[in-house]
Amino acid sequence: MEQGQESKVACEAYCPLCWTMRMARAAARHVAGVLPSEFWEHRAAARRESLLALRSLIDAALSRSAPAPARKATRIKVE
């Protein structure tokens, strides 16, 4: 087995995020035919809104942690 394949299998076996995503994909495939298309449209819109909300939190955190802009240098005439 190639190195990339081993790490992928190990990640799916032990990584909680990968496991959750794998289970979510399996559940989505299982219920895809059962739920109406309107549900999927609302789900996509809600996902987008959630991502925008997360982006605003990240932007706020970055603006608080960014250093203050440097002051513009003042030219002084020396005699």
C-alpha atoms as a PDB file:
ATOM      1  CA  MET A   1       0.000   0.000   0.000  1.00  0.00           C
ATOM      2  CA  GLU A   2       1.272   3.479  -0.843  1.00  0.00           C
ATOM      3  CA  GLN A   3       2.085   6.025   1.847  1.00  0.00           C
ATOM      4  CA  GLY A   4      -0.868   8.245   0.879  1.00  0.00           C
ATOM      5  CA  GLN A   5      -3.287   5.341   1.100  1.00  0.00           C
ATOM      6  CA  GLU A   6      -1.994   4.289   4.541  1.00  0.00           C
ATOM      7  CA  SER A   7      -2.405   7.775   5.980  1.00  0.00           C
ATOM      8  CA  LYS A   8      -5.910   8.075   4.513  1.00  0.00           C
ATOM      9  CA  VAL A   9      -7.000   4.783   6.076  1.00  0.00           C
ATOM     10  CA  ALA A  10      -5.372   5.682   9.400  1.00  0.00           C
ATOM     11  CA  CYS A  11      -6.978   9.112   9.371  1.00  0.00           C
ATOM     12  CA  GLU A  12     -10.448   7.699   8.725  1.00  0.00           C
ATOM     13  CA  ALA A  13      -9.944   5.111  11.447  1.00  0.00           C
ATOM     14  CA  TYR A  14      -8.705   7.440  14.199  1.00  0.00           C
ATOM     15  CA  CYS A  15      -9.536  11.043  13.306  1.00  0.00           C
ATOM     16  CA  PRO A  16     -12.871  12.133  14.815  1.00  0.00           C
ATOM     17  CA  LEU A  17     -13.391  14.767  12.120  1.00  0.00           C
ATOM     18  CA  CYS A  18     -12.850  12.283   9.279  1.00  0.00           C
ATOM     19  CA  TRP A  19     -15.087   9.737  10.981  1.00  0.00           C
ATOM     20  CA  THR A  20     -17.845  12.322  11.429  1.00  0.00           C
ATOM     21  CA  MET A  21     -17.608  13.417   7.797  1.00  0.00           C
ATOM     22  CA  ARG A  22     -17.709   9.797   6.606  1.00  0.00           C
ATOM     23  CA  MET A  23     -20.826   9.135   8.716  1.00  0.00           C
ATOM     24  CA  ALA A  24     -22.468  12.361   7.512  1.00  0.00           C
ATOM     25  CA  ARG A  25     -21.856  11.412   3.865  1.00  0.00           C
ATOM     26  CA  ALA A  26     -23.275   7.939   4.452  1.00  0.00           C
ATOM     27  CA  ALA A  27     -26.355   9.381   6.163  1.00  0.00           C
ATOM     28  CA  ALA A  28     -26.857  11.907   3.352  1.00  0.00           C
ATOM     29  CA  ARG A  29     -26.707   9.152   0.735  1.00  0.00           C
ATOM     30  CA  HIS A  30     -29.194   7.122   2.761  1.00  0.00           C
ATOM     31  CA  VAL A  31     -31.798   9.887   3.082  1.00  0.00           C
ATOM     32  CA  ALA A  32     -31.150  11.719  -0.207  1.00  0.00           C
ATOM     33  CA  GLY A  33     -34.076  10.079  -1.950  1.00  0.00           C
ATOM     34  CA  VAL A  34     -36.424  10.370   1.016  1.00  0.00           C
ATOM     35  CA  LEU A  35     -36.215  14.100   1.700  1.00  0.00           C
ATOM     36  CA  PRO A  36     -37.801  16.638  -0.664  1.00  0.00           C
ATOM     37  CA  SER A  37     -35.650  18.890  -2.832  1.00  0.00           C
ATOM     38  CA  GLU A  38     -36.887  21.945  -0.894  1.00  0.00           C
ATOM     39  CA  PHE A  39     -35.145  20.552   2.204  1.00  0.00           C
ATOM     40  CA  TRP A  40     -31.830  20.348   0.344  1.00  0.00           C
ATOM     41  CA  GLU A  41     -32.201  23.924  -0.898  1.00  0.00           C
ATOM     42  CA  HIS A  42     -32.799  25.209   2.638  1.00  0.00           C
ATOM     43  CA  ARG A  43     -29.962  23.052   3.940  1.00  0.00           C
ATOM     44  CA  ALA A  44     -27.553  24.578   1.402  1.00  0.00           C
ATOM     45  CA  ALA A  45     -28.673  28.108   2.320  1.00  0.00           C
ATOM     46  CA  ALA A  46     -28.327  27.371   6.044  1.00  0.00           C
ATOM     47  CA  ARG A  47     -24.840  25.927   5.490  1.00  0.00           C
ATOM     48  CA  ARG A  48     -23.811  29.072   3.620  1.00  0.00           C
ATOM     49  CA  GLU A  49     -25.160  31.284   6.413  1.00  0.00           C
ATOM     50  CA  SER A  50     -23.303  29.209   9.002  1.00  0.00           C
ATOM     51  CA  LEU A  51     -20.066  29.595   7.072  1.00  0.00           C
ATOM     52  CA  LEU A  52     -20.605  33.362   6.780  1.00  0.00           C
ATOM     53  CA  ALA A  53     -21.203  33.559  10.539  1.00  0.00           C
ATOM     54  CA  LEU A  54     -18.000  31.599  11.157  1.00  0.00           C
ATOM     55  CA  ARG A  55     -16.122  33.907   8.791  1.00  0.00           C
ATOM     56  CA  SER A  56     -17.318  36.955  10.744  1.00  0.00           C
ATOM     57  CA  LEU A  57     -16.022  35.400  13.974  1.00  0.00           C
ATOM     58  CA  ILE A  58     -12.654  34.684  12.379  1.00  0.00           C
ATOM     59  CA  ASP A  59     -12.455  38.209  10.920  1.00  0.00           C
ATOM     60  CA  ALA A  60     -13.232  39.717  14.327  1.00  0.00           C
ATOM     61  CA  ALA A  61     -10.585  37.583  16.020  1.00  0.00           C
ATOM     62  CA  LEU A  62      -8.015  38.523  13.388  1.00  0.00           C
ATOM     63  CA  SER A  63      -8.753  42.226  13.707  1.00  0.00           C
ATOM     64  CA  ARG A  64      -8.273  42.052  17.480  1.00  0.00           C
ATOM     65  CA  SER A  65      -5.014  40.143  17.194  1.00  0.00           C
ATOM     66  CA  ALA A  66      -3.522  42.224  14.367  1.00  0.00           C
ATOM     67  CA  PRO A  67      -0.877  44.722  15.443  1.00  0.00           C
ATOM     68  CA  ALA A  68      -1.772  48.396  15.254  1.00  0.00           C
ATOM     69  CA  PRO A  69      -0.747  49.990  11.969  1.00  0.00           C
ATOM     70  CA  ALA A  70       2.646  51.675  12.085  1.00  0.00           C
ATOM     71  CA  ARG A  71       2.613  55.456  12.284  1.00  0.00           C
ATOM     72  CA  LYS A  72       3.839  57.330   9.277  1.00  0.00           C
ATOM     73  CA  ALA A  73       7.409  58.563   9.662  1.00  0.00           C
ATOM     74  CA  THR A  74       7.925  62.299  10.138  1.00  0.00           C
ATOM     75  CA  ARG A  75      10.750  63.957   8.282  1.00  0.00           C
ATOM     76  CA  ILE A  76      12.915  66.129  10.577  1.00  0.00           C
ATOM     77  CA  LYS A  77      15.248  68.748   9.152  1.00  0.00           C
ATOM     78  CA  VAL A  78      18.675  68.578  10.750  1.00  0.00           C
ATOM     79  CA  GLU A  79      21.044  71.570  10.541  1.00  0.00           C
END
